[in-house]
């Protein structure tokens, strides 16, 4: 839910996030940017239709959870 609240502002990259992103492959950063844009648009689209902010954030959090799940499905198994 916390990350969903952060998506209200769009493409804001804090100093800490920029440091964590150093060394990440370009395609991973591109996926992250596209996801952030999509979640930002979803939030404002819902709010502009009259949904409560908390309802819109819950919808964004649900979509974010699905996005993270999909990434996990694409990753190779990390079995020990």
Protein backbone atom coordinates (compact mmCIF):
# COMPACT_ATOMS: atom_id res chain seq x y z
CA UNK A 1 0.00 0.00 0.00
CA UNK A 2 2.86 2.38 0.78
CA UNK A 3 4.32 2.04 -2.70
CA UNK A 4 0.87 2.58 -4.20
CA UNK A 5 0.58 5.91 -2.37
CA UNK A 6 3.95 6.91 -3.84
CA UNK A 7 2.71 6.35 -7.40
CA UNK A 8 0.44 9.37 -7.16
CA UNK A 9 3.36 11.62 -8.08
CA UNK A 10 4.50 9.85 -11.23
CA UNK A 11 8.13 9.69 -12.32
CA UNK A 12 9.83 10.94 -9.19
CA UNK A 13 13.19 9.28 -8.60
CA UNK A 14 14.57 10.05 -5.18
CA UNK A 15 18.28 10.11 -4.46
CA UNK A 16 18.00 6.80 -2.59
CA UNK A 17 16.17 5.17 -5.49
CA UNK A 18 18.76 6.44 -7.97
CA UNK A 19 21.51 4.88 -5.84
CA UNK A 20 19.67 1.53 -5.68
CA UNK A 21 19.16 1.58 -9.45
CA UNK A 22 22.87 1.96 -10.22
CA UNK A 23 24.16 -1.15 -11.91
CA UNK A 24 20.71 -2.44 -12.88
CA UNK A 25 20.31 -3.58 -16.47
CA UNK A 26 18.69 -1.04 -18.80
CA UNK A 27 15.78 -3.33 -19.66
CA UNK A 28 14.92 -3.70 -15.97
CA UNK A 29 14.88 0.08 -15.53
CA UNK A 30 12.67 0.40 -18.60
CA UNK A 31 10.18 -2.09 -17.16
CA UNK A 32 10.18 -0.20 -13.85
CA UNK A 33 9.56 3.13 -15.59
CA UNK A 34 6.71 1.70 -17.66
CA UNK A 35 5.13 0.16 -14.55
CA UNK A 36 5.44 3.41 -12.63
CA UNK A 37 3.83 5.35 -15.48
CA UNK A 38 1.00 2.84 -15.79
CA UNK A 39 0.24 2.89 -12.06
CA UNK A 40 0.38 6.68 -11.98
CA UNK A 41 -2.10 6.92 -14.87
CA UNK A 42 -4.41 4.38 -13.25
CA UNK A 43 -4.48 6.32 -10.00
CA UNK A 44 -5.33 9.65 -11.63
CA UNK A 45 -7.82 8.09 -14.03
CA UNK A 46 -9.75 6.64 -11.08
CA UNK A 47 -9.57 9.84 -9.02
CA UNK A 48 -10.69 11.94 -11.98
CA UNK A 49 -13.77 9.70 -12.29
CA UNK A 50 -14.71 10.55 -8.72
CA UNK A 51 -13.29 7.57 -6.82
CA UNK A 52 -11.99 8.21 -3.34
CA UNK A 53 -8.22 8.50 -3.06
CA UNK A 54 -8.08 5.48 -0.76
CA UNK A 55 -10.08 3.37 -3.23
CA UNK A 56 -7.80 4.41 -6.09
CA UNK A 57 -4.70 3.58 -4.05
CA UNK A 58 -6.11 0.15 -3.22
CA UNK A 59 -6.70 -0.51 -6.93
CA UNK A 60 -3.14 0.58 -7.72
CA UNK A 61 -1.77 -1.64 -4.95
CA UNK A 62 -3.68 -4.60 -6.37
CA UNK A 63 -2.29 -3.96 -9.85
CA UNK A 64 1.22 -3.55 -8.42
CA UNK A 65 0.89 -6.89 -6.63
CA UNK A 66 -0.10 -8.51 -9.92
CA UNK A 67 2.87 -6.90 -11.64
CA UNK A 68 5.27 -8.21 -8.99
CA UNK A 69 3.69 -11.67 -9.24
CA UNK A 70 4.17 -11.67 -13.02
CA UNK A 71 7.84 -10.76 -12.63
CA UNK A 72 8.23 -13.62 -10.16
CA UNK A 73 6.69 -16.00 -12.68
CA UNK A 74 9.20 -14.94 -15.34
CA UNK A 75 12.25 -15.28 -13.11
CA UNK A 76 14.12 -18.59 -13.13
CA UNK A 77 13.57 -20.73 -10.09
CA UNK A 78 15.90 -19.83 -7.23
CA UNK A 79 15.65 -23.28 -5.59
CA UNK A 80 18.64 -24.11 -3.43
